[in-house]
């Protein structure tokens, strides 16, 4: 029987160097699994693999040493534990994310919620090459947003309320970029230095800094044989509606202009950075 390796790879079964053996990639959205998932993964790894799993650099999980003849049974067993198979090849991959503001004190956005929405909108969508989203909750950048084809970083747009300020100086000390300066009864915020980290709002004892959650988007990141830092050129994105207009436009641009085997960064370069930026700016402003 001839083995359709391409079809198996699309479904998460990657051929190993050992003949007849496969490493199965599972879908792990935002690095989150349930206890039920883990129990079933352990069972499958013990029964069909060699009793161990591999944690990938993108929060994924793989079960190696699965025999070709066991693949269908492995699928059936994993489904009983609500485990979903991953994908490989030229399509949108599983979205990575940190825990965001639900768990992390530094978080500015609910990163996992955004990851789930991105997954529902784009997961496994066929494209000229693989496409990776990364969502990180704040400027600590645990998920290295700029390494992704499209990175999303949580931000806070802040406003100072003089009437609530006691001029204690906590915000000035908390600001890591030197954007905040206190002089007598006035505070100035240098927009050129502010990176929208939100530390001033979080540290203020009197709520004199008011913050609004926002998103910083970067495009064209790469990490591998070629390394490139994704470029963030749009103003702060203030709403989820605006966010998904832009992600829709970026995916559409790649689908329309990309060539088979060409990563998003190189499509942007070849099609023209100016035309790409114009398309993203139109999406930002809600123009067709």
Protein backbone atom coordinates (compact mmCIF):
# COMPACT_ATOMS: atom_id res chain seq x y z
CA UNK A 1 0.00 0.00 0.00
CA UNK A 2 1.34 3.38 -1.03
CA UNK A 3 1.47 5.94 1.78
CA UNK A 4 0.16 9.44 1.06
CA UNK A 5 2.74 11.36 3.08
CA UNK A 6 1.40 14.74 1.94
CA UNK A 7 -2.07 14.03 3.28
CA UNK A 8 -0.67 12.69 6.54
CA UNK A 9 1.46 15.80 6.98
CA UNK A 10 -1.52 18.07 6.39
CA UNK A 11 -3.22 16.22 9.24
CA UNK A 12 -0.31 16.61 11.66
CA UNK A 13 1.51 13.29 11.12
CA UNK A 14 5.11 14.11 10.21
CA UNK A 15 7.35 11.41 8.81
CA UNK A 16 10.29 10.52 11.04
CA UNK A 17 13.72 9.45 9.84
CA UNK A 18 12.82 5.93 11.01
CA UNK A 19 10.88 4.14 8.28
CA UNK A 20 7.18 3.70 8.99
CA UNK A 21 7.17 5.94 12.07
CA UNK A 22 5.50 9.31 12.50
CA UNK A 23 5.54 12.16 14.99
CA UNK A 24 2.04 13.51 15.59
CA UNK A 25 1.63 17.24 16.15
CA UNK A 26 -1.34 18.20 18.31
CA UNK A 27 -3.22 21.48 18.24
CA UNK A 28 -2.42 23.45 21.41
CA UNK A 29 -4.03 26.91 21.20
CA UNK A 30 -2.20 29.51 23.23
CA UNK A 31 -0.18 26.85 25.07
CA UNK A 32 -3.29 25.67 26.94
CA UNK A 33 -4.37 22.06 27.51
CA UNK A 34 -6.90 20.60 29.94
CA UNK A 35 -6.23 17.86 32.46
CA UNK A 36 -8.50 15.65 30.32
CA UNK A 37 -6.31 16.34 27.29
CA UNK A 38 -3.15 15.49 29.21
CA UNK A 39 -4.50 12.20 30.56
CA UNK A 40 -5.45 11.04 27.06
CA UNK A 41 -2.14 12.22 25.57
CA UNK A 42 -0.26 10.24 28.22
CA UNK A 43 -2.35 7.17 27.45
CA UNK A 44 -1.77 7.42 23.70
CA UNK A 45 1.95 8.08 24.11
CA UNK A 46 2.30 5.02 26.36
CA UNK A 47 0.20 2.77 24.15
CA UNK A 48 1.21 3.84 20.64
CA UNK A 49 4.48 5.75 21.05
CA UNK A 50 7.46 5.19 23.28
CA UNK A 51 6.00 6.75 26.41
CA UNK A 52 7.12 10.34 26.01
CA UNK A 53 6.06 13.57 24.28
CA UNK A 54 7.96 16.50 22.83
CA UNK A 55 7.18 20.15 23.66
CA UNK A 56 7.91 22.32 20.62
CA UNK A 57 9.29 25.85 20.56
CA UNK A 58 5.82 27.18 19.64
CA UNK A 59 3.90 25.77 22.59
CA UNK A 60 2.99 22.67 20.62
CA UNK A 61 3.04 19.07 21.68
CA UNK A 62 4.12 16.09 19.58
CA UNK A 63 3.84 12.36 20.16
CA UNK A 64 6.68 10.61 18.30
CA UNK A 65 7.22 6.97 17.25
CA UNK A 66 3.67 6.27 16.06
CA UNK A 67 3.45 3.40 13.59
CA UNK A 68 1.67 3.95 10.29
CA UNK A 69 -0.72 1.09 10.96
CA UNK A 70 -1.81 2.68 14.26
CA UNK A 71 -2.64 6.12 12.89
CA UNK A 72 -6.42 5.70 12.59
CA UNK A 73 -6.69 4.20 16.07
CA UNK A 74 -4.58 7.04 17.46
CA UNK A 75 -6.99 9.57 15.95
CA UNK A 76 -9.96 7.78 17.49
CA UNK A 77 -8.39 7.57 20.92
CA UNK A 78 -7.29 11.20 20.98
CA UNK A 79 -10.78 12.35 20.02
CA UNK A 80 -12.10 10.63 23.16
CA UNK A 81 -9.99 13.06 25.20
CA UNK A 82 -11.10 16.08 23.13
CA UNK A 83 -7.60 16.37 21.67
CA UNK A 84 -7.34 17.95 18.24
CA UNK A 85 -4.72 17.20 15.62
CA UNK A 86 -2.32 19.89 14.44
CA UNK A 87 -1.42 20.87 10.90
CA UNK A 88 1.77 21.26 8.91
CA UNK A 89 2.60 22.63 5.49
CA UNK A 90 1.38 25.81 3.73
CA UNK A 91 -1.46 26.89 5.97
CA UNK A 92 -2.23 28.90 9.10
CA UNK A 93 -0.64 27.17 12.09
CA UNK A 94 -1.78 26.94 15.69
CA UNK A 95 -1.82 30.35 17.38
CA UNK A 96 0.63 30.89 20.24
CA UNK A 97 -0.20 33.14 23.20
CA UNK A 98 0.75 34.01 26.75
CA UNK A 99 -1.79 33.96 29.59
CA UNK A 100 -2.51 37.67 29.24
CA UNK A 101 -4.29 39.89 31.75
CA UNK A 102 -6.53 37.12 33.08
CA UNK A 103 -3.54 35.68 34.97
CA UNK A 104 -0.52 37.96 34.53
CA UNK A 105 -0.32 41.28 36.45
CA UNK A 106 1.57 42.85 33.54
CA UNK A 107 -0.97 41.84 30.91
CA UNK A 108 -2.84 44.50 28.95
CA UNK A 109 -5.11 42.19 26.93
CA UNK A 110 -6.74 38.77 27.23
CA UNK A 111 -4.19 37.09 24.96
CA UNK A 112 -5.78 33.64 25.12
CA UNK A 113 -9.20 35.00 24.10
CA UNK A 114 -7.60 36.64 21.07
CA UNK A 115 -5.76 33.41 20.23
CA UNK A 116 -9.02 31.43 20.32
CA UNK A 117 -10.69 33.92 17.98
CA UNK A 118 -7.78 33.89 15.55
CA UNK A 119 -7.82 30.10 15.61
CA UNK A 120 -11.53 29.98 14.82
CA UNK A 121 -11.15 32.46 11.98
CA UNK A 122 -8.03 31.14 10.27
CA UNK A 123 -6.72 27.80 11.59
CA UNK A 124 -5.59 25.46 8.77
CA UNK A 125 -6.50 27.98 6.06
CA UNK A 126 -4.57 27.16 2.89
CA UNK A 127 -1.99 29.80 1.96
CA UNK A 128 1.16 30.01 -0.21
CA UNK A 129 3.30 29.06 2.81
CA UNK A 130 2.93 28.52 6.54
CA UNK A 131 1.59 31.49 8.46
CA UNK A 132 2.11 32.05 12.18
CA UNK A 133 0.26 34.28 14.63
CA UNK A 134 1.71 35.11 18.04
CA UNK A 135 -0.17 37.01 20.76
CA UNK A 136 1.67 38.51 23.71
CA UNK A 137 0.01 40.41 26.54
CA UNK A 138 2.41 43.29 27.13
CA UNK A 139 5.79 44.83 26.40
CA UNK A 140 7.54 42.01 28.29
CA UNK A 141 6.90 40.23 24.98
CA UNK A 142 7.08 36.67 26.33
CA UNK A 143 5.69 35.33 23.03
CA UNK A 144 8.16 37.33 20.91
CA UNK A 145 5.43 38.86 18.76
CA UNK A 146 7.81 40.27 16.14
CA UNK A 147 9.10 36.79 15.25
CA UNK A 148 5.69 35.89 13.80
CA UNK A 149 4.23 36.52 10.38
CA UNK A 150 1.67 38.60 12.24
CA UNK A 151 2.34 39.51 15.85
CA UNK A 152 -0.14 41.04 18.29
CA UNK A 153 1.13 42.76 21.42
CA UNK A 154 -1.05 44.04 24.23
CA UNK A 155 -0.78 47.76 24.95
CA UNK A 156 -2.45 50.45 27.06
CA UNK A 157 -3.33 53.91 25.82
CA UNK A 158 -3.07 56.13 28.91
CA UNK A 159 -4.43 59.50 29.95
CA UNK A 160 -3.40 61.52 33.03
CA UNK A 161 -6.11 63.00 35.27
CA UNK A 162 -4.58 65.92 37.16
CA UNK A 163 -7.46 66.23 39.62
CA UNK A 164 -6.81 62.72 40.95
CA UNK A 165 -3.01 63.02 41.15
CA UNK A 166 -1.10 63.43 44.43
CA UNK A 167 2.27 63.80 42.64
CA UNK A 168 3.80 60.90 44.58
CA UNK A 169 6.25 60.12 41.77
CA UNK A 170 5.42 56.40 41.58
CA UNK A 171 4.51 56.57 37.89
CA UNK A 172 7.75 58.35 37.00
CA UNK A 173 9.75 55.64 38.74
CA UNK A 174 7.66 52.86 37.17
CA UNK A 175 8.18 54.16 33.61
CA UNK A 176 11.05 52.21 32.07
CA UNK A 177 11.41 54.45 29.01
CA UNK A 178 11.67 57.82 30.75
CA UNK A 179 8.48 59.04 29.08
CA UNK A 180 6.99 60.53 32.29
CA UNK A 181 8.37 63.65 33.93
CA UNK A 182 7.05 65.44 37.03
CA UNK A 183 7.66 69.16 37.51
CA UNK A 184 5.92 70.83 40.48
CA UNK A 185 2.17 70.36 39.85
CA UNK A 186 2.40 69.07 36.29
CA UNK A 187 3.13 65.71 34.67
CA UNK A 188 4.19 65.41 31.06
CA UNK A 189 4.09 62.27 28.93
CA UNK A 190 6.46 62.16 25.96
CA UNK A 191 4.60 60.26 23.21
CA UNK A 192 7.87 59.58 21.39
CA UNK A 193 9.23 57.68 24.40
CA UNK A 194 6.01 56.03 25.63
CA UNK A 195 5.75 52.40 24.55
CA UNK A 196 2.21 51.97 25.92
CA UNK A 197 3.28 49.39 28.48
CA UNK A 198 0.67 50.54 31.01
CA UNK A 199 3.01 50.45 34.00
CA UNK A 200 1.99 53.99 35.02
CA UNK A 201 -1.68 53.03 35.23
CA UNK A 202 -0.98 49.80 37.09
CA UNK A 203 1.29 51.47 39.64
CA UNK A 204 -0.75 54.60 40.36
CA UNK A 205 -2.23 54.51 43.91
CA UNK A 206 -5.00 57.04 43.13
CA UNK A 207 -6.07 55.98 39.61
CA UNK A 208 -4.80 59.28 38.22
CA UNK A 209 -3.72 57.39 35.10
CA UNK A 210 -6.63 55.97 33.11
CA UNK A 211 -5.88 53.25 30.58
CA UNK A 212 -7.60 51.73 27.57
CA UNK A 213 -6.54 48.32 26.26
CA UNK A 214 -5.12 48.34 22.75
CA UNK A 215 -3.04 46.29 20.32
CA UNK A 216 0.29 46.79 18.58
CA UNK A 217 0.53 44.79 15.34
CA UNK A 218 3.73 43.73 13.59
CA UNK A 219 4.00 42.17 10.15
CA UNK A 220 6.52 39.97 8.35
CA UNK A 221 8.45 38.42 11.21
CA UNK A 222 10.65 35.38 10.61
CA UNK A 223 12.70 33.10 12.79
CA UNK A 224 14.60 30.24 11.21
CA UNK A 225 16.96 30.09 8.25
CA UNK A 226 16.17 33.76 7.78
CA UNK A 227 15.59 36.02 10.76
CA UNK A 228 13.53 39.19 10.46
CA UNK A 229 11.85 41.42 12.99
CA UNK A 230 8.27 42.17 12.03
CA UNK A 231 7.51 45.84 11.40
CA UNK A 232 4.93 47.74 13.46
CA UNK A 233 3.82 50.78 11.46
CA UNK A 234 0.14 51.22 12.36
CA UNK A 235 -1.12 53.41 15.20
CA UNK A 236 -2.52 51.65 18.26
CA UNK A 237 -5.44 49.40 17.37
CA UNK A 238 -8.23 50.19 19.85
CA UNK A 239 -11.00 47.62 19.18
CA UNK A 240 -11.32 43.93 18.35
CA UNK A 241 -13.42 44.82 15.31
CA UNK A 242 -10.55 46.91 14.00
CA UNK A 243 -8.05 44.19 14.91
CA UNK A 244 -9.83 41.51 12.89
CA UNK A 245 -10.35 43.81 9.92
CA UNK A 246 -6.58 44.13 9.77
CA UNK A 247 -5.86 40.41 10.25
CA UNK A 248 -8.43 39.61 7.56
CA UNK A 249 -6.70 42.06 5.21
CA UNK A 250 -3.24 40.64 5.94
CA UNK A 251 -4.36 37.07 5.23
CA UNK A 252 -6.13 38.21 2.07
CA UNK A 253 -3.01 40.06 0.89
CA UNK A 254 -0.89 36.93 1.33
CA UNK A 255 -3.46 34.72 -0.39
CA UNK A 256 -3.68 37.10 -3.37
CA UNK A 257 -0.04 38.08 -3.83
CA UNK A 258 1.97 35.19 -2.38
CA UNK A 259 3.75 32.56 -4.43
CA UNK A 260 3.93 28.91 -3.44
CA UNK A 261 6.78 28.35 -1.01
CA UNK A 262 7.20 32.07 -0.26
CA UNK A 263 6.90 33.35 3.31
CA UNK A 264 4.77 36.38 4.08
CA UNK A 265 7.78 38.67 4.61
CA UNK A 266 9.09 37.96 1.11
CA UNK A 267 5.63 38.41 -0.41
CA UNK A 268 5.50 41.86 1.18
CA UNK A 269 8.95 42.68 -0.23
CA UNK A 270 8.14 41.43 -3.72
CA UNK A 271 4.62 42.89 -3.96
CA UNK A 272 5.83 46.16 -2.48
CA UNK A 273 5.93 47.33 1.12
CA UNK A 274 4.11 50.55 0.19
CA UNK A 275 1.14 48.72 -1.32
CA UNK A 276 1.00 46.37 1.67
CA UNK A 277 1.07 49.24 4.15
CA UNK A 278 -1.65 51.01 2.20
CA UNK A 279 -3.86 47.91 2.40
CA UNK A 280 -3.31 47.63 6.16
CA UNK A 281 -3.96 51.34 6.70
CA UNK A 282 -7.21 51.08 4.76
CA UNK A 283 -8.24 48.15 6.95
CA UNK A 284 -7.23 50.12 10.04
CA UNK A 285 -9.54 52.97 9.02
CA UNK A 286 -12.31 50.66 7.80
CA UNK A 287 -12.04 51.58 4.14
CA UNK A 288 -12.59 49.03 1.35
